[in-house]
Amino acid sequence: MGSVFVVAAAVGSLLIVFQLFGGSLDVEADASDADHVGDAADGLQLRSLRTIAVGLAAFGFAGLILGALGVWVWIALPVAFAVGVAGLVGTAWMVARLVGLEQDASVRVGDAIGERGTVYVPITPGQPGKVQVVAGGRTVEYRAVAGETLATGTPVLVIGFEDADTVEVERA
């Protein structure tokens, strides 16, 4: 039974090393992740080469350590299996979170149309001011123009935009 643990630890470790060096050489070692880059944050990719490699290595090393401690093989086997599954699921969870960090969180001026905000630098018909608007779950500051004078603290509604930094507002 000890040879099963040795093989699992060796294969898992070799796959991890291959991915480590393959990644630095821009070799795509994980085809299932390549197909699901946008979807990886939506669910765990348990069948990727990365997660399987960690699961195998964790299973193998846990079994070897338990065997070296003198734990009976029929106890070591399920414990090593549980450690391997924990490694597999833990790796999939971390990869999903890391891929989620790569997603674009920038707010575009078009996202602000229809949102309410507040004037914090007064606006006059010939002089732009500034407004704060919650768009895309974030508070964003925009240069703002309006057809009437709007004082600081006036609630406004974004009705359009002139360019990437300037919104058109009206009194809400």
C-alpha atoms as a PDB file:
ATOM      1  CA  MET A   1       0.000   0.000   0.000  1.00  0.00           C
ATOM      2  CA  GLY A   2       2.992   2.278   0.648  1.00  0.00           C
ATOM      3  CA  SER A   3       3.860   2.184  -3.055  1.00  0.00           C
ATOM      4  CA  VAL A   4       0.444   3.695  -3.896  1.00  0.00           C
ATOM      5  CA  PHE A   5       1.283   6.674  -1.697  1.00  0.00           C
ATOM      6  CA  VAL A   6       4.759   6.989  -3.255  1.00  0.00           C
ATOM      7  CA  VAL A   7       3.362   6.944  -6.796  1.00  0.00           C
ATOM      8  CA  ALA A   8       0.615   9.462  -5.956  1.00  0.00           C
ATOM      9  CA  ALA A   9       3.099  11.819  -4.254  1.00  0.00           C
ATOM     10  CA  ALA A  10       5.568  11.512  -7.144  1.00  0.00           C
ATOM     11  CA  VAL A  11       3.019  12.014  -9.921  1.00  0.00           C
ATOM     12  CA  GLY A  12       1.336  14.928  -8.137  1.00  0.00           C
ATOM     13  CA  SER A  13       4.678  16.582  -7.395  1.00  0.00           C
ATOM     14  CA  LEU A  14       5.888  16.177 -10.972  1.00  0.00           C
ATOM     15  CA  LEU A  15       2.679  17.704 -12.325  1.00  0.00           C
ATOM     16  CA  ILE A  16       3.037  20.653  -9.943  1.00  0.00           C
ATOM     17  CA  VAL A  17       6.672  21.174 -10.993  1.00  0.00           C
ATOM     18  CA  PHE A  18       5.688  20.906 -14.668  1.00  0.00           C
ATOM     19  CA  GLN A  19       3.035  23.576 -14.177  1.00  0.00           C
ATOM     20  CA  LEU A  20       5.447  25.792 -12.275  1.00  0.00           C
ATOM     21  CA  PHE A  21       8.046  25.751 -15.044  1.00  0.00           C
ATOM     22  CA  GLY A  22       5.515  25.455 -17.850  1.00  0.00           C
ATOM     23  CA  GLY A  23       3.735  28.587 -16.586  1.00  0.00           C
ATOM     24  CA  SER A  24       6.957  30.580 -16.622  1.00  0.00           C
ATOM     25  CA  LEU A  25       7.489  29.485 -20.233  1.00  0.00           C
ATOM     26  CA  ASP A  26       3.900  30.395 -21.191  1.00  0.00           C
ATOM     27  CA  VAL A  27       3.015  26.717 -21.704  1.00  0.00           C
ATOM     28  CA  GLU A  28      -0.693  26.172 -21.079  1.00  0.00           C
ATOM     29  CA  ALA A  29      -0.723  23.103 -18.863  1.00  0.00           C
ATOM     30  CA  ASP A  30      -4.352  23.441 -17.823  1.00  0.00           C
ATOM     31  CA  ALA A  31      -6.696  23.221 -20.788  1.00  0.00           C
ATOM     32  CA  SER A  32      -9.891  23.194 -18.729  1.00  0.00           C
ATOM     33  CA  ASP A  33      -8.932  26.515 -17.104  1.00  0.00           C
ATOM     34  CA  ALA A  34      -8.155  28.034 -20.515  1.00  0.00           C
ATOM     35  CA  ASP A  35     -11.666  27.219 -21.699  1.00  0.00           C
ATOM     36  CA  HIS A  36     -13.309  28.704 -18.616  1.00  0.00           C
ATOM     37  CA  VAL A  37     -11.273  31.804 -17.771  1.00  0.00           C
ATOM     38  CA  GLY A  38     -14.368  33.972 -17.577  1.00  0.00           C
ATOM     39  CA  ASP A  39     -16.416  31.310 -15.799  1.00  0.00           C
ATOM     40  CA  ALA A  40     -13.878  30.114 -13.224  1.00  0.00           C
ATOM     41  CA  ALA A  41     -15.132  32.480 -10.541  1.00  0.00           C
ATOM     42  CA  ASP A  42     -18.657  31.131 -11.020  1.00  0.00           C
ATOM     43  CA  GLY A  43     -17.829  27.580  -9.917  1.00  0.00           C
ATOM     44  CA  LEU A  44     -15.036  25.310  -8.781  1.00  0.00           C
ATOM     45  CA  GLN A  45     -12.970  23.710 -11.535  1.00  0.00           C
ATOM     46  CA  LEU A  46     -12.349  20.393  -9.759  1.00  0.00           C
ATOM     47  CA  ARG A  47     -11.186  18.554 -12.890  1.00  0.00           C
ATOM     48  CA  SER A  48      -8.322  20.863 -13.825  1.00  0.00           C
ATOM     49  CA  LEU A  49      -4.779  19.532 -13.980  1.00  0.00           C
ATOM     50  CA  ARG A  50      -3.781  21.975 -11.250  1.00  0.00           C
ATOM     51  CA  THR A  51      -6.333  20.756  -8.712  1.00  0.00           C
ATOM     52  CA  ILE A  52      -5.797  17.077  -9.502  1.00  0.00           C
ATOM     53  CA  ALA A  53      -2.027  17.478  -9.103  1.00  0.00           C
ATOM     54  CA  VAL A  54      -2.400  19.048  -5.663  1.00  0.00           C
ATOM     55  CA  GLY A  55      -4.956  16.433  -4.616  1.00  0.00           C
ATOM     56  CA  LEU A  56      -2.657  13.568  -5.680  1.00  0.00           C
ATOM     57  CA  ALA A  57       0.375  15.075  -3.966  1.00  0.00           C
ATOM     58  CA  ALA A  58      -1.575  15.744  -0.760  1.00  0.00           C
ATOM     59  CA  PHE A  59      -2.965  12.189  -0.761  1.00  0.00           C
ATOM     60  CA  GLY A  60       0.465  10.665  -1.356  1.00  0.00           C
ATOM     61  CA  PHE A  61       2.380  12.716   1.173  1.00  0.00           C
ATOM     62  CA  ALA A  62      -0.312  12.337   3.842  1.00  0.00           C
ATOM     63  CA  GLY A  63      -0.222   8.556   3.358  1.00  0.00           C
ATOM     64  CA  LEU A  64       3.576   8.483   3.515  1.00  0.00           C
ATOM     65  CA  ILE A  65       3.660  10.575   6.685  1.00  0.00           C
ATOM     66  CA  LEU A  66       0.992   8.459   8.371  1.00  0.00           C
ATOM     67  CA  GLY A  67       2.855   5.295   7.360  1.00  0.00           C
ATOM     68  CA  ALA A  68       6.108   6.668   8.782  1.00  0.00           C
ATOM     69  CA  LEU A  69       4.280   7.396  12.048  1.00  0.00           C
ATOM     70  CA  GLY A  70       3.193   3.763  12.189  1.00  0.00           C
ATOM     71  CA  VAL A  71      -0.513   4.358  11.591  1.00  0.00           C
ATOM     72  CA  TRP A  72      -2.307   1.227  10.437  1.00  0.00           C
ATOM     73  CA  VAL A  73      -2.804   1.279   6.627  1.00  0.00           C
ATOM     74  CA  TRP A  74      -6.620   0.922   6.804  1.00  0.00           C
ATOM     75  CA  ILE A  75      -6.739   4.076   8.912  1.00  0.00           C
ATOM     76  CA  ALA A  76      -4.085   5.886   6.894  1.00  0.00           C
ATOM     77  CA  LEU A  77      -5.890   5.278   3.585  1.00  0.00           C
ATOM     78  CA  PRO A  78      -9.161   7.131   4.379  1.00  0.00           C
ATOM     79  CA  VAL A  79      -7.300   9.908   6.212  1.00  0.00           C
ATOM     80  CA  ALA A  80      -4.937  10.385   3.248  1.00  0.00           C
ATOM     81  CA  PHE A  81      -7.926  10.334   0.906  1.00  0.00           C
ATOM     82  CA  ALA A  82      -9.629  13.078   2.961  1.00  0.00           C
ATOM     83  CA  VAL A  83      -6.447  15.171   2.909  1.00  0.00           C
ATOM     84  CA  GLY A  84      -6.230  14.720  -0.874  1.00  0.00           C
ATOM     85  CA  VAL A  85      -9.838  15.801  -1.373  1.00  0.00           C
ATOM     86  CA  ALA A  86      -9.244  18.809   0.886  1.00  0.00           C
ATOM     87  CA  GLY A  87      -6.197  19.751  -1.212  1.00  0.00           C
ATOM     88  CA  LEU A  88      -8.168  19.374  -4.438  1.00  0.00           C
ATOM     89  CA  VAL A  89     -11.161  21.435  -3.262  1.00  0.00           C
ATOM     90  CA  GLY A  90      -8.970  24.024  -1.516  1.00  0.00           C
ATOM     91  CA  THR A  91      -6.919  24.560  -4.667  1.00  0.00           C
ATOM     92  CA  ALA A  92     -10.040  24.875  -6.825  1.00  0.00           C
ATOM     93  CA  TRP A  93     -11.494  27.413  -4.385  1.00  0.00           C
ATOM     94  CA  MET A  94      -8.289  29.509  -4.357  1.00  0.00           C
ATOM     95  CA  VAL A  95      -8.009  29.464  -8.160  1.00  0.00           C
ATOM     96  CA  ALA A  96     -11.634  30.589  -8.483  1.00  0.00           C
ATOM     97  CA  ARG A  97     -10.999  33.487  -6.103  1.00  0.00           C
ATOM     98  CA  LEU A  98      -7.807  34.502  -7.922  1.00  0.00           C
ATOM     99  CA  VAL A  99      -9.537  34.449 -11.297  1.00  0.00           C
ATOM    100  CA  GLY A 100     -12.288  36.599  -9.775  1.00  0.00           C
ATOM    101  CA  LEU A 101      -9.653  39.225  -8.964  1.00  0.00           C
ATOM    102  CA  GLU A 102      -8.717  39.446 -12.636  1.00  0.00           C
ATOM    103  CA  GLN A 103     -12.173  40.597 -13.681  1.00  0.00           C
ATOM    104  CA  ASP A 104     -12.492  44.211 -14.770  1.00  0.00           C
ATOM    105  CA  ALA A 105     -14.073  46.310 -12.029  1.00  0.00           C
ATOM    106  CA  SER A 106     -13.794  49.671 -13.749  1.00  0.00           C
ATOM    107  CA  VAL A 107     -16.881  51.846 -13.932  1.00  0.00           C
ATOM    108  CA  ARG A 108     -17.695  53.394 -17.288  1.00  0.00           C
ATOM    109  CA  VAL A 109     -19.525  56.667 -17.592  1.00  0.00           C
ATOM    110  CA  GLY A 110     -22.414  54.916 -19.376  1.00  0.00           C
ATOM    111  CA  ASP A 111     -23.008  52.868 -16.200  1.00  0.00           C
ATOM    112  CA  ALA A 112     -24.002  56.077 -14.403  1.00  0.00           C
ATOM    113  CA  ILE A 113     -26.941  56.927 -16.692  1.00  0.00           C
ATOM    114  CA  GLY A 114     -30.175  56.658 -14.719  1.00  0.00           C
ATOM    115  CA  GLU A 115     -28.361  56.733 -11.357  1.00  0.00           C
ATOM    116  CA  ARG A 116     -28.946  59.335  -8.680  1.00  0.00           C
ATOM    117  CA  GLY A 117     -26.171  61.395  -7.175  1.00  0.00           C
ATOM    118  CA  THR A 118     -25.366  64.559  -5.272  1.00  0.00           C
ATOM    119  CA  VAL A 119     -23.760  67.816  -6.404  1.00  0.00           C
ATOM    120  CA  TYR A 120     -20.664  68.644  -4.392  1.00  0.00           C
ATOM    121  CA  VAL A 121     -19.150  71.389  -6.597  1.00  0.00           C
ATOM    122  CA  PRO A 122     -21.910  73.786  -7.750  1.00  0.00           C
ATOM    123  CA  ILE A 123     -23.016  73.643 -11.385  1.00  0.00           C
ATOM    124  CA  THR A 124     -24.127  76.613 -13.478  1.00  0.00           C
ATOM    125  CA  PRO A 125     -25.295  76.498 -17.124  1.00  0.00           C
ATOM    126  CA  GLY A 126     -21.961  77.823 -18.404  1.00  0.00           C
ATOM    127  CA  GLN A 127     -19.683  76.305 -15.770  1.00  0.00           C
ATOM    128  CA  PRO A 128     -19.367  72.556 -15.089  1.00  0.00           C
ATOM    129  CA  GLY A 129     -19.317  71.323 -11.516  1.00  0.00           C
ATOM    130  CA  LYS A 130     -18.879  67.917  -9.930  1.00  0.00           C
ATOM    131  CA  VAL A 131     -21.229  65.193  -8.723  1.00  0.00           C
ATOM    132  CA  GLN A 132     -20.853  61.965  -6.803  1.00  0.00           C
ATOM    133  CA  VAL A 133     -22.817  59.011  -8.157  1.00  0.00           C
ATOM    134  CA  VAL A 134     -23.004  55.366  -7.089  1.00  0.00           C
ATOM    135  CA  ALA A 135     -22.424  53.380 -10.294  1.00  0.00           C
ATOM    136  CA  GLY A 136     -21.384  49.758 -10.566  1.00  0.00           C
ATOM    137  CA  GLY A 137     -21.482  49.414  -6.774  1.00  0.00           C
ATOM    138  CA  ARG A 138     -18.854  52.140  -6.321  1.00  0.00           C
ATOM    139  CA  THR A 139     -19.036  55.838  -5.511  1.00  0.00           C
ATOM    140  CA  VAL A 140     -17.654  57.684  -8.516  1.00  0.00           C
ATOM    141  CA  GLU A 141     -16.893  61.368  -9.060  1.00  0.00           C
ATOM    142  CA  TYR A 142     -17.793  62.927 -12.400  1.00  0.00           C
ATOM    143  CA  ARG A 143     -17.501  66.355 -13.928  1.00  0.00           C
ATOM    144  CA  ALA A 144     -21.102  67.433 -14.518  1.00  0.00           C
ATOM    145  CA  VAL A 145     -23.082  69.884 -16.635  1.00  0.00           C
ATOM    146  CA  ALA A 146     -26.714  70.946 -16.283  1.00  0.00           C
ATOM    147  CA  GLY A 147     -29.186  73.290 -17.913  1.00  0.00           C
ATOM    148  CA  GLU A 148     -29.818  75.105 -14.611  1.00  0.00           C
ATOM    149  CA  THR A 149     -27.864  76.205 -11.557  1.00  0.00           C
ATOM    150  CA  LEU A 150     -27.487  73.425  -8.999  1.00  0.00           C
ATOM    151  CA  ALA A 151     -26.039  74.115  -5.555  1.00  0.00           C
ATOM    152  CA  THR A 152     -23.855  71.825  -3.449  1.00  0.00           C
ATOM    153  CA  GLY A 153     -25.936  69.037  -1.888  1.00  0.00           C
ATOM    154  CA  THR A 154     -28.639  69.083  -4.574  1.00  0.00           C
ATOM    155  CA  PRO A 155     -29.851  65.571  -5.466  1.00  0.00           C
ATOM    156  CA  VAL A 156     -29.491  64.923  -9.193  1.00  0.00           C
ATOM    157  CA  LEU A 157     -30.278  62.281 -11.798  1.00  0.00           C
ATOM    158  CA  VAL A 158     -27.721  61.417 -14.499  1.00  0.00           C
ATOM    159  CA  ILE A 159     -29.491  61.711 -17.870  1.00  0.00           C
ATOM    160  CA  GLY A 160     -26.577  61.388 -20.296  1.00  0.00           C
ATOM    161  CA  PHE A 161     -22.902  62.027 -20.840  1.00  0.00           C
ATOM    162  CA  GLU A 162     -20.777  64.309 -22.983  1.00  0.00           C
ATOM    163  CA  ASP A 163     -17.483  62.410 -22.792  1.00  0.00           C
ATOM    164  CA  ALA A 164     -15.711  59.807 -20.656  1.00  0.00           C
ATOM    165  CA  ASP A 165     -15.440  62.201 -17.687  1.00  0.00           C
ATOM    166  CA  THR A 166     -18.505  64.436 -17.978  1.00  0.00           C
ATOM    167  CA  VAL A 167     -22.132  63.567 -17.258  1.00  0.00           C
ATOM    168  CA  GLU A 168     -25.299  65.519 -17.915  1.00  0.00           C
ATOM    169  CA  VAL A 169     -27.541  65.853 -14.854  1.00  0.00           C
ATOM    170  CA  GLU A 170     -30.886  67.319 -13.883  1.00  0.00           C
ATOM    171  CA  ARG A 171     -32.479  67.998 -10.527  1.00  0.00           C
ATOM    172  CA  ALA A 172     -33.887  64.760  -9.094  1.00  0.00           C
END
